[in-house]
Each structure stands twice: as structure tokens, then as C-alpha cells.
């Protein structure tokens, strides 16, 4: 009877550990998906920004007619017409990315801890 009871307790503990591991794996997968989504948001915006900037510079340089105008604009920077502000969704994605990576590290540590039991 005592042996049977000990086996049942050990079995329940193992099942609880396995359940916890599955939950951690699900959490890790959700974090990974969210991280990928945020990285994609940032990459899309940066690609579009580079494309806009390149087009803007190409148009600006093709409009120039004399060397004096080129020199003046180079000295003044001429970046005031470029829109450098990033959209709110990109800013939010950057902020949340750090939090998500921290959570992924915590989840990985918990998983390692459970796997050692």
C-alpha cells in the first residue's frame, strides 16, 4: 500500500512537471510569434523609410542644375524635408521587443529548471 501511494505521488509530480513544461513551451511559442511580428513591423518600416529616402535624394539630386546650389545644400544638410519620425506602431514594437526578449529568457530559465527535476 505504501509503495503504491509513493508511486502515485511520484506519478502526479511527474505529470505536473510535464503540464508545466507544456505551458512554458506554449508561452515561449507565443512570445516568439509576438517577437517575430514586432521585428517584421520594424523591418517593414525601415525598408519603406530607406526606399522613400533614396527616392527623395534621387529626385533632389536630379533637380540640381548648378554646382553652387549643390555646395550650398550639402553644407546646410538638406535633410529638413525628409520625414524622419517613425510611426507609433514602430515605436511600440521597439519598446515591446525588449520586454518580450526578457520574458523569453525567463521562460527558457524556468524550462531548464523544470527539465532538471
PDB file of N, CA and C in Angstrom:
ATOM      1  N   UNK A   1       0.835  -1.200   0.000  1.00  0.00           N
ATOM      2  CA  UNK A   1       0.000   0.000   0.000  1.00  0.00           C
ATOM      3  C   UNK A   1       0.880   1.265   0.000  1.00  0.00           C
ATOM      4  N   UNK A   2       1.904   1.229   0.848  1.00  0.00           N
ATOM      5  CA  UNK A   2       2.791   2.387   0.948  1.00  0.00           C
ATOM      6  C   UNK A   2       3.528   2.616  -0.371  1.00  0.00           C
ATOM      7  N   UNK A   3       4.001   1.579  -0.981  1.00  0.00           N
ATOM      8  CA  UNK A   3       4.711   1.667  -2.257  1.00  0.00           C
ATOM      9  C   UNK A   3       3.781   2.204  -3.349  1.00  0.00           C
ATOM     10  N   UNK A   4       2.560   1.695  -3.344  1.00  0.00           N
ATOM     11  CA  UNK A   4       1.569   2.155  -4.318  1.00  0.00           C
ATOM     12  C   UNK A   4       1.313   3.645  -4.143  1.00  0.00           C
ATOM     13  N   UNK A   5       1.190   4.096  -2.903  1.00  0.00           N
ATOM     14  CA  UNK A   5       0.959   5.500  -2.601  1.00  0.00           C
ATOM     15  C   UNK A   5       2.146   6.361  -3.072  1.00  0.00           C
ATOM     16  N   UNK A   6       3.361   5.897  -2.840  1.00  0.00           N
ATOM     17  CA  UNK A   6       4.551   6.628  -3.263  1.00  0.00           C
ATOM     18  C   UNK A   6       4.621   6.715  -4.796  1.00  0.00           C
ATOM     19  N   UNK A   7       4.261   5.628  -5.461  1.00  0.00           N
ATOM     20  CA  UNK A   7       4.251   5.626  -6.923  1.00  0.00           C
ATOM     21  C   UNK A   7       3.223   6.619  -7.469  1.00  0.00           C
ATOM     22  N   UNK A   8       2.067   6.660  -6.833  1.00  0.00           N
ATOM     23  CA  UNK A   8       1.020   7.602  -7.263  1.00  0.00           C
ATOM     24  C   UNK A   8       1.475   9.048  -7.064  1.00  0.00           C
ATOM     25  N   UNK A   9       2.121   9.326  -5.950  1.00  0.00           N
ATOM     26  CA  UNK A   9       2.623  10.676  -5.681  1.00  0.00           C
ATOM     27  C   UNK A   9       3.690  11.050  -6.711  1.00  0.00           C
ATOM     28  N   UNK A  10       4.603  10.143  -6.980  1.00  0.00           N
ATOM     29  CA  UNK A  10       5.660  10.395  -7.963  1.00  0.00           C
ATOM     30  C   UNK A  10       5.063  10.608  -9.353  1.00  0.00           C
ATOM     31  N   UNK A  11       4.062   9.800  -9.687  1.00  0.00           N
ATOM     32  CA  UNK A  11       3.399   9.936 -10.981  1.00  0.00           C
ATOM     33  C   UNK A  11       2.733  11.302 -11.107  1.00  0.00           C
ATOM     34  N   UNK A  12       2.017  11.722 -10.077  1.00  0.00           N
ATOM     35  CA  UNK A  12       1.341  13.033 -10.092  1.00  0.00           C
ATOM     36  C   UNK A  12       2.350  14.169 -10.221  1.00  0.00           C
ATOM     37  N   UNK A  13       3.469  14.043  -9.523  1.00  0.00           N
ATOM     38  CA  UNK A  13       4.504  15.070  -9.613  1.00  0.00           C
ATOM     39  C   UNK A  13       5.070  15.150 -11.039  1.00  0.00           C
ATOM     40  N   UNK A  14       5.304  13.994 -11.623  1.00  0.00           N
ATOM     41  CA  UNK A  14       5.816  13.968 -12.993  1.00  0.00           C
ATOM     42  C   UNK A  14       4.809  14.569 -13.973  1.00  0.00           C
ATOM     43  N   UNK A  15       3.547  14.254 -13.777  1.00  0.00           N
ATOM     44  CA  UNK A  15       2.503  14.807 -14.648  1.00  0.00           C
ATOM     45  C   UNK A  15       2.414  16.328 -14.481  1.00  0.00           C
ATOM     46  N   UNK A  16       2.552  16.815 -13.270  1.00  0.00           N
ATOM     47  CA  UNK A  16       2.528  18.256 -13.014  1.00  0.00           C
ATOM     48  C   UNK A  16       3.721  18.945 -13.690  1.00  0.00           C
ATOM     49  N   UNK A  17       4.872  18.315 -13.615  1.00  0.00           N
ATOM     50  CA  UNK A  17       6.067  18.869 -14.276  1.00  0.00           C
ATOM     51  C   UNK A  17       5.860  18.900 -15.789  1.00  0.00           C
ATOM     52  N   UNK A  18       5.329  17.818 -16.338  1.00  0.00           N
ATOM     53  CA  UNK A  18       5.072  17.779 -17.784  1.00  0.00           C
ATOM     54  C   UNK A  18       4.048  18.834 -18.211  1.00  0.00           C
ATOM     55  N   UNK A  19       3.007  18.988 -17.399  1.00  0.00           N
ATOM     56  CA  UNK A  19       1.998  20.018 -17.698  1.00  0.00           C
ATOM     57  C   UNK A  19       2.642  21.395 -17.683  1.00  0.00           C
ATOM     58  N   UNK A  20       3.488  21.644 -16.698  1.00  0.00           N
ATOM     59  CA  UNK A  20       4.175  22.932 -16.605  1.00  0.00           C
ATOM     60  C   UNK A  20       5.106  23.153 -17.799  1.00  0.00           C
ATOM     61  N   UNK A  21       5.787  22.088 -18.220  1.00  0.00           N
ATOM     62  CA  UNK A  21       6.664  22.199 -19.386  1.00  0.00           C
ATOM     63  C   UNK A  21       5.879  22.535 -20.655  1.00  0.00           C
ATOM     64  N   UNK A  22       4.726  21.914 -20.814  1.00  0.00           N
ATOM     65  CA  UNK A  22       3.886  22.197 -21.980  1.00  0.00           C
ATOM     66  C   UNK A  22       3.399  23.643 -21.941  1.00  0.00           C
ATOM     67  N   UNK A  23       2.990  24.106 -20.769  1.00  0.00           N
ATOM     68  CA  UNK A  23       2.556  25.500 -20.631  1.00  0.00           C
ATOM     69  C   UNK A  23       3.691  26.471 -20.943  1.00  0.00           C
ATOM     70  N   UNK A  24       4.872  26.161 -20.445  1.00  0.00           N
ATOM     71  CA  UNK A  24       6.026  27.018 -20.730  1.00  0.00           C
ATOM     72  C   UNK A  24       6.358  27.024 -22.226  1.00  0.00           C
ATOM     73  N   UNK A  25       6.253  25.876 -22.847  1.00  0.00           N
ATOM     74  CA  UNK A  25       6.521  25.796 -24.285  1.00  0.00           C
ATOM     75  C   UNK A  25       5.491  26.610 -25.070  1.00  0.00           C
ATOM     76  N   UNK A  26       4.223  26.550 -24.657  1.00  0.00           N
ATOM     77  CA  UNK A  26       3.181  27.361 -25.302  1.00  0.00           C
ATOM     78  C   UNK A  26       3.469  28.847 -25.121  1.00  0.00           C
ATOM     79  N   UNK A  27       3.840  29.224 -23.905  1.00  0.00           N
ATOM     80  CA  UNK A  27       4.175  30.626 -23.628  1.00  0.00           C
ATOM     81  C   UNK A  27       5.361  31.055 -24.482  1.00  0.00           C
ATOM     82  N   UNK A  28       6.371  30.198 -24.556  1.00  0.00           N
ATOM     83  CA  UNK A  28       7.553  30.508 -25.358  1.00  0.00           C
ATOM     84  C   UNK A  28       7.191  30.692 -26.829  1.00  0.00           C
ATOM     85  N   UNK A  29       6.302  29.866 -27.332  1.00  0.00           N
ATOM     86  CA  UNK A  29       5.874  29.970 -28.724  1.00  0.00           C
ATOM     87  C   UNK A  29       5.123  31.289 -28.958  1.00  0.00           C
ATOM     88  N   UNK A  30       4.243  31.654 -28.045  1.00  0.00           N
ATOM     89  CA  UNK A  30       3.524  32.923 -28.154  1.00  0.00           C
ATOM     90  C   UNK A  30       4.490  34.104 -28.134  1.00  0.00           C
ATOM     91  N   UNK A  31       5.484  34.057 -27.244  1.00  0.00           N
ATOM     92  CA  UNK A  31       6.486  35.119 -27.177  1.00  0.00           C
ATOM     93  C   UNK A  31       7.276  35.201 -28.478  1.00  0.00           C
ATOM     94  N   UNK A  32       7.610  34.054 -29.023  1.00  0.00           N
ATOM     95  CA  UNK A  32       8.359  34.009 -30.276  1.00  0.00           C
ATOM     96  C   UNK A  32       7.541  34.618 -31.422  1.00  0.00           C
ATOM     97  N   UNK A  33       6.268  34.293 -31.477  1.00  0.00           N
ATOM     98  CA  UNK A  33       5.387  34.830 -32.520  1.00  0.00           C
ATOM     99  C   UNK A  33       5.277  36.343 -32.377  1.00  0.00           C
ATOM    100  N   UNK A  34       5.060  36.824 -31.159  1.00  0.00           N
ATOM    101  CA  UNK A  34       4.968  38.267 -30.932  1.00  0.00           C
ATOM    102  C   UNK A  34       6.275  38.974 -31.287  1.00  0.00           C
ATOM    103  N   UNK A  35       7.393  38.368 -30.911  1.00  0.00           N
ATOM    104  CA  UNK A  35       8.701  38.946 -31.231  1.00  0.00           C
ATOM    105  C   UNK A  35       8.884  39.033 -32.745  1.00  0.00           C
ATOM    106  N   UNK A  36       8.551  37.973 -33.436  1.00  0.00           N
ATOM    107  CA  UNK A  36       8.681  37.959 -34.899  1.00  0.00           C
ATOM    108  C   UNK A  36       7.788  39.023 -35.538  1.00  0.00           C
ATOM    109  N   UNK A  37       6.591  39.153 -35.007  1.00  0.00           N
ATOM    110  CA  UNK A  37       5.655  40.164 -35.542  1.00  0.00           C
ATOM    111  C   UNK A  37       6.227  41.569 -35.365  1.00  0.00           C
ATOM    112  N   UNK A  38       6.784  41.850 -34.190  1.00  0.00           N
ATOM    113  CA  UNK A  38       7.364  43.171 -33.937  1.00  0.00           C
ATOM    114  C   UNK A  38       8.601  43.417 -34.800  1.00  0.00           C
ATOM    115  N   UNK A  39       9.433  42.393 -34.957  1.00  0.00           N
ATOM    116  CA  UNK A  39      10.612  42.542 -35.816  1.00  0.00           C
ATOM    117  C   UNK A  39      10.199  42.809 -37.263  1.00  0.00           C
ATOM    118  N   UNK A  40       9.141  42.157 -37.701  1.00  0.00           N
ATOM    119  CA  UNK A  40       8.637  42.372 -39.047  1.00  0.00           C
ATOM    120  C   UNK A  40       8.101  43.798 -39.214  1.00  0.00           C
ATOM    121  N   UNK A  41       7.379  44.292 -38.224  1.00  0.00           N
ATOM    122  CA  UNK A  41       6.866  45.665 -38.257  1.00  0.00           C
ATOM    123  C   UNK A  41       8.018  46.653 -38.399  1.00  0.00           C
ATOM    124  N   UNK A  42       9.054  46.465 -37.595  1.00  0.00           N
ATOM    125  CA  UNK A  42      10.211  47.367 -37.629  1.00  0.00           C
ATOM    126  C   UNK A  42      10.944  47.259 -38.964  1.00  0.00           C
ATOM    127  N   UNK A  43      11.173  46.047 -39.429  1.00  0.00           N
ATOM    128  CA  UNK A  43      11.891  45.844 -40.693  1.00  0.00           C
ATOM    129  C   UNK A  43      11.118  46.436 -41.874  1.00  0.00           C
ATOM    130  N   UNK A  44       9.802  46.253 -41.888  1.00  0.00           N
ATOM    131  CA  UNK A  44       8.980  46.817 -42.968  1.00  0.00           C
ATOM    132  C   UNK A  44       9.098  48.333 -42.995  1.00  0.00           C
ATOM    133  N   UNK A  45       9.006  48.959 -41.811  1.00  0.00           N
ATOM    134  CA  UNK A  45       9.091  50.407 -41.754  1.00  0.00           C
ATOM    135  C   UNK A  45      10.480  50.898 -42.187  1.00  0.00           C
ATOM    136  N   UNK A  46      11.516  50.231 -41.723  1.00  0.00           N
ATOM    137  CA  UNK A  46      12.872  50.645 -42.093  1.00  0.00           C
ATOM    138  C   UNK A  46      13.111  50.493 -43.595  1.00  0.00           C
ATOM    139  N   UNK A  47      12.567  49.432 -44.189  1.00  0.00           N
ATOM    140  CA  UNK A  47      12.703  49.239 -45.627  1.00  0.00           C
ATOM    141  C   UNK A  47      11.965  50.332 -46.390  1.00  0.00           C
ATOM    142  N   UNK A  48      10.733  50.634 -45.958  1.00  0.00           N
ATOM    143  CA  UNK A  48       9.968  51.697 -46.611  1.00  0.00           C
ATOM    144  C   UNK A  48      10.644  53.053 -46.438  1.00  0.00           C
ATOM    145  N   UNK A  49      11.191  53.295 -45.251  1.00  0.00           N
ATOM    146  CA  UNK A  49      11.884  54.558 -44.991  1.00  0.00           C
ATOM    147  C   UNK A  49      13.108  54.687 -45.893  1.00  0.00           C
ATOM    148  N   UNK A  50      13.887  53.635 -46.021  1.00  0.00           N
ATOM    149  CA  UNK A  50      15.075  53.664 -46.885  1.00  0.00           C
ATOM    150  C   UNK A  50      14.666  53.899 -48.338  1.00  0.00           C
ATOM    151  N   UNK A  51      13.581  53.275 -48.744  1.00  0.00           N
ATOM    152  CA  UNK A  51      13.086  53.443 -50.109  1.00  0.00           C
ATOM    153  C   UNK A  51      12.656  54.901 -50.350  1.00  0.00           C
ATOM    154  N   UNK A  52      11.912  55.478 -49.387  1.00  0.00           N
ATOM    155  CA  UNK A  52      11.491  56.886 -49.501  1.00  0.00           C
ATOM    156  C   UNK A  52      12.689  57.821 -49.520  1.00  0.00           C
ATOM    157  N   UNK A  53      13.636  57.565 -48.615  1.00  0.00           N
ATOM    158  CA  UNK A  53      14.818  58.424 -48.533  1.00  0.00           C
ATOM    159  C   UNK A  53      15.616  58.378 -49.831  1.00  0.00           C
ATOM    160  N   UNK A  54      15.814  57.193 -50.366  1.00  0.00           N
ATOM    161  CA  UNK A  54      16.566  57.044 -51.612  1.00  0.00           C
ATOM    162  C   UNK A  54      15.855  57.773 -52.751  1.00  0.00           C
ATOM    163  N   UNK A  55      14.542  57.610 -52.825  1.00  0.00           N
ATOM    164  CA  UNK A  55      13.771  58.275 -53.875  1.00  0.00           C
ATOM    165  C   UNK A  55      13.864  59.791 -53.722  1.00  0.00           C
ATOM    166  N   UNK A  56      13.764  60.263 -52.478  1.00  0.00           N
ATOM    167  CA  UNK A  56      13.836  61.701 -52.219  1.00  0.00           C
ATOM    168  C   UNK A  56      15.183  62.257 -52.658  1.00  0.00           C
ATOM    169  N   UNK A  57      16.269  61.557 -52.291  1.00  0.00           N
ATOM    170  CA  UNK A  57      17.603  62.028 -52.662  1.00  0.00           C
ATOM    171  C   UNK A  57      17.808  61.987 -54.174  1.00  0.00           C
ATOM    172  N   UNK A  58      17.300  60.943 -54.813  1.00  0.00           N
ATOM    173  CA  UNK A  58      17.428  60.858 -56.274  1.00  0.00           C
ATOM    174  C   UNK A  58      16.707  62.018 -56.943  1.00  0.00           C
ATOM    175  N   UNK A  59      15.501  62.343 -56.456  1.00  0.00           N
ATOM    176  CA  UNK A  59      14.755  63.465 -57.021  1.00  0.00           C
ATOM    177  C   UNK A  59      15.474  64.783 -56.762  1.00  0.00           C
ATOM    178  N   UNK A  60      15.991  64.943 -55.541  1.00  0.00           N
ATOM    179  CA  UNK A  60      16.691  66.180 -55.196  1.00  0.00           C
ATOM    180  C   UNK A  60      17.921  66.375 -56.072  1.00  0.00           C
ATOM    181  N   UNK A  61      18.703  65.324 -56.226  1.00  0.00           N
ATOM    182  CA  UNK A  61      19.947  65.458 -56.988  1.00  0.00           C
ATOM    183  C   UNK A  61      19.663  65.625 -58.481  1.00  0.00           C
ATOM    184  N   UNK A  62      18.571  65.053 -58.965  1.00  0.00           N
ATOM    185  CA  UNK A  62      18.257  65.216 -60.385  1.00  0.00           C
ATOM    186  C   UNK A  62      17.733  66.617 -60.693  1.00  0.00           C
ATOM    187  N   UNK A  63      17.204  67.313 -59.688  1.00  0.00           N
ATOM    188  CA  UNK A  63      16.691  68.671 -59.875  1.00  0.00           C
ATOM    189  C   UNK A  63      17.801  69.718 -59.909  1.00  0.00           C
ATOM    190  N   UNK A  64      18.942  69.416 -59.386  1.00  0.00           N
ATOM    191  CA  UNK A  64      20.022  70.391 -59.280  1.00  0.00           C
ATOM    192  C   UNK A  64      20.563  70.732 -60.673  1.00  0.00           C
ATOM    193  N   UNK A  65      20.831  72.007 -60.857  1.00  0.00           N
ATOM    194  CA  UNK A  65      21.316  72.431 -62.178  1.00  0.00           C
ATOM    195  C   UNK A  65      22.711  73.031 -62.143  1.00  0.00           C
ATOM    196  N   UNK A  66      23.102  73.627 -61.023  1.00  0.00           N
ATOM    197  CA  UNK A  66      24.453  74.183 -60.995  1.00  0.00           C
ATOM    198  C   UNK A  66      25.207  73.744 -59.748  1.00  0.00           C
ATOM    199  N   UNK A  67      26.510  73.759 -59.825  1.00  0.00           N
ATOM    200  CA  UNK A  67      27.365  73.268 -58.757  1.00  0.00           C
ATOM    201  C   UNK A  67      27.240  74.114 -57.496  1.00  0.00           C
ATOM    202  N   UNK A  68      27.009  75.378 -57.626  1.00  0.00           N
ATOM    203  CA  UNK A  68      26.887  76.276 -56.472  1.00  0.00           C
ATOM    204  C   UNK A  68      25.713  75.868 -55.594  1.00  0.00           C
ATOM    205  N   UNK A  69      24.587  75.520 -56.216  1.00  0.00           N
ATOM    206  CA  UNK A  69      23.414  75.078 -55.471  1.00  0.00           C
ATOM    207  C   UNK A  69      23.728  73.776 -54.734  1.00  0.00           C
ATOM    208  N   UNK A  70      24.452  72.872 -55.394  1.00  0.00           N
ATOM    209  CA  UNK A  70      24.846  71.610 -54.763  1.00  0.00           C
ATOM    210  C   UNK A  70      25.651  71.866 -53.498  1.00  0.00           C
ATOM    211  N   UNK A  71      26.642  72.727 -53.586  1.00  0.00           N
ATOM    212  CA  UNK A  71      27.511  73.008 -52.449  1.00  0.00           C
ATOM    213  C   UNK A  71      26.734  73.621 -51.288  1.00  0.00           C
ATOM    214  N   UNK A  72      25.862  74.564 -51.585  1.00  0.00           N
ATOM    215  CA  UNK A  72      25.070  75.210 -50.528  1.00  0.00           C
ATOM    216  C   UNK A  72      24.187  74.192 -49.809  1.00  0.00           C
ATOM    217  N   UNK A  73      23.547  73.321 -50.566  1.00  0.00           N
ATOM    218  CA  UNK A  73      22.643  72.351 -49.955  1.00  0.00           C
ATOM    219  C   UNK A  73      23.402  71.298 -49.168  1.00  0.00           C
ATOM    220  N   UNK A  74      24.555  70.918 -49.655  1.00  0.00           N
ATOM    221  CA  UNK A  74      25.357  69.961 -48.909  1.00  0.00           C
ATOM    222  C   UNK A  74      25.782  70.540 -47.570  1.00  0.00           C
ATOM    223  N   UNK A  75      26.153  71.807 -47.581  1.00  0.00           N
ATOM    224  CA  UNK A  75      26.586  72.465 -46.343  1.00  0.00           C
ATOM    225  C   UNK A  75      25.437  72.618 -45.354  1.00  0.00           C
ATOM    226  N   UNK A  76      24.254  72.872 -45.844  1.00  0.00           N
ATOM    227  CA  UNK A  76      23.115  73.092 -44.940  1.00  0.00           C
ATOM    228  C   UNK A  76      22.478  71.779 -44.479  1.00  0.00           C
ATOM    229  N   UNK A  77      22.882  70.680 -45.070  1.00  0.00           N
ATOM    230  CA  UNK A  77      22.360  69.381 -44.642  1.00  0.00           C
ATOM    231  C   UNK A  77      21.201  68.902 -45.495  1.00  0.00           C
ATOM    232  N   UNK A  78      20.306  69.745 -45.869  1.00  0.00           N
ATOM    233  CA  UNK A  78      19.145  69.449 -46.707  1.00  0.00           C
ATOM    234  C   UNK A  78      18.368  68.222 -46.288  1.00  0.00           C
ATOM    235  N   UNK A  79      18.373  67.923 -45.024  1.00  0.00           N
ATOM    236  CA  UNK A  79      17.585  66.775 -44.580  1.00  0.00           C
ATOM    237  C   UNK A  79      16.270  67.223 -43.953  1.00  0.00           C
ATOM    238  N   UNK A  80      16.041  68.530 -43.941  1.00  0.00           N
ATOM    239  CA  UNK A  80      14.834  69.030 -43.284  1.00  0.00           C
ATOM    240  C   UNK A  80      13.556  68.592 -43.978  1.00  0.00           C
ATOM    241  N   UNK A  81      13.630  68.241 -45.252  1.00  0.00           N
ATOM    242  CA  UNK A  81      12.417  67.821 -45.958  1.00  0.00           C
ATOM    243  C   UNK A  81      12.118  66.336 -45.773  1.00  0.00           C
ATOM    244  N   UNK A  82      13.081  65.575 -45.315  1.00  0.00           N
ATOM    245  CA  UNK A  82      12.864  64.139 -45.093  1.00  0.00           C
ATOM    246  C   UNK A  82      12.072  63.933 -43.810  1.00  0.00           C
ATOM    247  N   UNK A  83      11.098  63.069 -43.861  1.00  0.00           N
ATOM    248  CA  UNK A  83      10.310  62.750 -42.672  1.00  0.00           C
ATOM    249  C   UNK A  83      11.023  61.643 -41.909  1.00  0.00           C
ATOM    250  N   UNK A  84      11.628  61.996 -40.773  1.00  0.00           N
ATOM    251  CA  UNK A  84      12.423  61.041 -40.022  1.00  0.00           C
ATOM    252  C   UNK A  84      11.654  60.406 -38.859  1.00  0.00           C
ATOM    253  N   UNK A  85      10.465  60.876 -38.572  1.00  0.00           N
ATOM    254  CA  UNK A  85       9.724  60.339 -37.427  1.00  0.00           C
ATOM    255  C   UNK A  85       9.121  58.980 -37.778  1.00  0.00           C
ATOM    256  N   UNK A  86       9.213  58.072 -36.807  1.00  0.00           N
ATOM    257  CA  UNK A  86       8.664  56.747 -37.061  1.00  0.00           C
ATOM    258  C   UNK A  86       7.235  56.671 -36.533  1.00  0.00           C
ATOM    259  N   UNK A  87       6.407  55.856 -37.164  1.00  0.00           N
ATOM    260  CA  UNK A  87       5.009  55.711 -36.730  1.00  0.00           C
ATOM    261  C   UNK A  87       4.921  55.135 -35.317  1.00  0.00           C
ATOM    262  N   UNK A  88       3.805  55.378 -34.688  1.00  0.00           N
ATOM    263  CA  UNK A  88       3.584  54.912 -33.326  1.00  0.00           C
ATOM    264  C   UNK A  88       3.715  53.392 -33.223  1.00  0.00           C
ATOM    265  N   UNK A  89       3.190  52.677 -34.207  1.00  0.00           N
ATOM    266  CA  UNK A  89       3.258  51.204 -34.144  1.00  0.00           C
ATOM    267  C   UNK A  89       4.706  50.705 -34.152  1.00  0.00           C
ATOM    268  N   UNK A  90       5.599  51.422 -34.816  1.00  0.00           N
ATOM    269  CA  UNK A  90       7.013  51.028 -34.845  1.00  0.00           C
ATOM    270  C   UNK A  90       7.660  51.334 -33.496  1.00  0.00           C
ATOM    271  N   UNK A  91       7.338  52.480 -32.927  1.00  0.00           N
ATOM    272  CA  UNK A  91       7.871  52.822 -31.600  1.00  0.00           C
ATOM    273  C   UNK A  91       7.415  51.814 -30.555  1.00  0.00           C
ATOM    274  N   UNK A  92       6.150  51.464 -30.609  1.00  0.00           N
ATOM    275  CA  UNK A  92       5.601  50.485 -29.665  1.00  0.00           C
ATOM    276  C   UNK A  92       6.274  49.126 -29.871  1.00  0.00           C
ATOM    277  N   UNK A  93       6.476  48.748 -31.120  1.00  0.00           N
ATOM    278  CA  UNK A  93       7.124  47.461 -31.417  1.00  0.00           C
ATOM    279  C   UNK A  93       8.538  47.430 -30.836  1.00  0.00           C
ATOM    280  N   UNK A  94       9.269  48.534 -30.959  1.00  0.00           N
ATOM    281  CA  UNK A  94      10.632  48.603 -30.407  1.00  0.00           C
ATOM    282  C   UNK A  94      10.612  48.455 -28.885  1.00  0.00           C
ATOM    283  N   UNK A  95       9.665  49.138 -28.237  1.00  0.00           N
ATOM    284  CA  UNK A  95       9.568  49.064 -26.780  1.00  0.00           C
ATOM    285  C   UNK A  95       9.204  47.655 -26.316  1.00  0.00           C
ATOM    286  N   UNK A  96       8.225  47.064 -26.964  1.00  0.00           N
ATOM    287  CA  UNK A  96       7.755  45.739 -26.550  1.00  0.00           C
ATOM    288  C   UNK A  96       8.775  44.648 -26.856  1.00  0.00           C
ATOM    289  N   UNK A  97       9.616  44.874 -27.845  1.00  0.00           N
ATOM    290  CA  UNK A  97      10.622  43.885 -28.218  1.00  0.00           C
ATOM    291  C   UNK A  97      11.548  43.572 -27.048  1.00  0.00           C
ATOM    292  N   UNK A  98      11.990  44.592 -26.348  1.00  0.00           N
ATOM    293  CA  UNK A  98      12.859  44.377 -25.188  1.00  0.00           C
ATOM    294  C   UNK A  98      12.168  43.568 -24.107  1.00  0.00           C
ATOM    295  N   UNK A  99      10.923  43.905 -23.840  1.00  0.00           N
ATOM    296  CA  UNK A  99      10.165  43.159 -22.828  1.00  0.00           C
ATOM    297  C   UNK A  99       9.969  41.700 -23.236  1.00  0.00           C
ATOM    298  N   UNK A 100       9.673  41.488 -24.504  1.00  0.00           N
ATOM    299  CA  UNK A 100       9.456  40.121 -24.985  1.00  0.00           C
ATOM    300  C   UNK A 100      10.734  39.285 -24.880  1.00  0.00           C
ATOM    301  N   UNK A 101      11.864  39.872 -25.211  1.00  0.00           N
ATOM    302  CA  UNK A 101      13.123  39.138 -25.121  1.00  0.00           C
ATOM    303  C   UNK A 101      13.453  38.787 -23.674  1.00  0.00           C
ATOM    304  N   UNK A 102      13.150  39.696 -22.753  1.00  0.00           N
ATOM    305  CA  UNK A 102      13.348  39.419 -21.332  1.00  0.00           C
ATOM    306  C   UNK A 102      12.463  38.260 -20.888  1.00  0.00           C
ATOM    307  N   UNK A 103      11.219  38.278 -21.320  1.00  0.00           N
ATOM    308  CA  UNK A 103      10.294  37.193 -20.978  1.00  0.00           C
ATOM    309  C   UNK A 103      10.749  35.861 -21.578  1.00  0.00           C
ATOM    310  N   UNK A 104      11.274  35.894 -22.780  1.00  0.00           N
ATOM    311  CA  UNK A 104      11.771  34.657 -23.394  1.00  0.00           C
ATOM    312  C   UNK A 104      12.918  34.077 -22.582  1.00  0.00           C
ATOM    313  N   UNK A 105      13.818  34.930 -22.095  1.00  0.00           N
ATOM    314  CA  UNK A 105      14.927  34.438 -21.272  1.00  0.00           C
ATOM    315  C   UNK A 105      14.415  33.838 -19.966  1.00  0.00           C
ATOM    316  N   UNK A 106      13.433  34.489 -19.336  1.00  0.00           N
ATOM    317  CA  UNK A 106      12.851  33.964 -18.098  1.00  0.00           C
ATOM    318  C   UNK A 106      12.194  32.610 -18.346  1.00  0.00           C
ATOM    319  N   UNK A 107      11.446  32.510 -19.426  1.00  0.00           N
ATOM    320  CA  UNK A 107      10.762  31.262 -19.766  1.00  0.00           C
ATOM    321  C   UNK A 107      11.770  30.148 -20.023  1.00  0.00           C
ATOM    322  N   UNK A 108      12.845  30.464 -20.737  1.00  0.00           N
ATOM    323  CA  UNK A 108      13.874  29.456 -21.017  1.00  0.00           C
ATOM    324  C   UNK A 108      14.527  28.981 -19.718  1.00  0.00           C
ATOM    325  N   UNK A 109      14.764  29.902 -18.782  1.00  0.00           N
ATOM    326  CA  UNK A 109      15.366  29.530 -17.499  1.00  0.00           C
ATOM    327  C   UNK A 109      14.430  28.625 -16.701  1.00  0.00           C
ATOM    328  N   UNK A 110      13.141  28.967 -16.673  1.00  0.00           N
ATOM    329  CA  UNK A 110      12.160  28.129 -15.973  1.00  0.00           C
ATOM    330  C   UNK A 110      12.072  26.734 -16.597  1.00  0.00           C
ATOM    331  N   UNK A 111      12.124  26.690 -17.910  1.00  0.00           N
ATOM    332  CA  UNK A 111      12.045  25.417 -18.611  1.00  0.00           C
ATOM    333  C   UNK A 111      13.256  24.541 -18.260  1.00  0.00           C
ATOM    334  N   UNK A 112      14.429  25.134 -18.261  1.00  0.00           N
ATOM    335  CA  UNK A 112      15.646  24.377 -17.888  1.00  0.00           C
ATOM    336  C   UNK A 112      15.538  23.846 -16.465  1.00  0.00           C
ATOM    337  N   UNK A 113      15.009  24.687 -15.595  1.00  0.00           N
ATOM    338  CA  UNK A 113      14.847  24.298 -14.191  1.00  0.00           C
ATOM    339  C   UNK A 113      13.903  23.109 -14.052  1.00  0.00           C
ATOM    340  N   UNK A 114      12.788  23.162 -14.774  1.00  0.00           N
ATOM    341  CA  UNK A 114      11.810  22.063 -14.727  1.00  0.00           C
ATOM    342  C   UNK A 114      12.362  20.786 -15.362  1.00  0.00           C
ATOM    343  N   UNK A 115      13.113  20.936 -16.435  1.00  0.00           N
ATOM    344  CA  UNK A 115      13.656  19.760 -17.110  1.00  0.00           C
ATOM    345  C   UNK A 115      14.672  19.008 -16.231  1.00  0.00           C
ATOM    346  N   UNK A 116      15.298  19.719 -15.312  1.00  0.00           N
ATOM    347  CA  UNK A 116      16.273  19.092 -14.423  1.00  0.00           C
ATOM    348  C   UNK A 116      15.612  18.300 -13.307  1.00  0.00           C
ATOM    349  N   UNK A 117      14.337  18.526 -13.057  1.00  0.00           N
ATOM    350  CA  UNK A 117      13.628  17.828 -11.973  1.00  0.00           C
ATOM    351  C   UNK A 117      13.328  16.387 -12.324  1.00  0.00           C
TER     352      UNK A 117
END
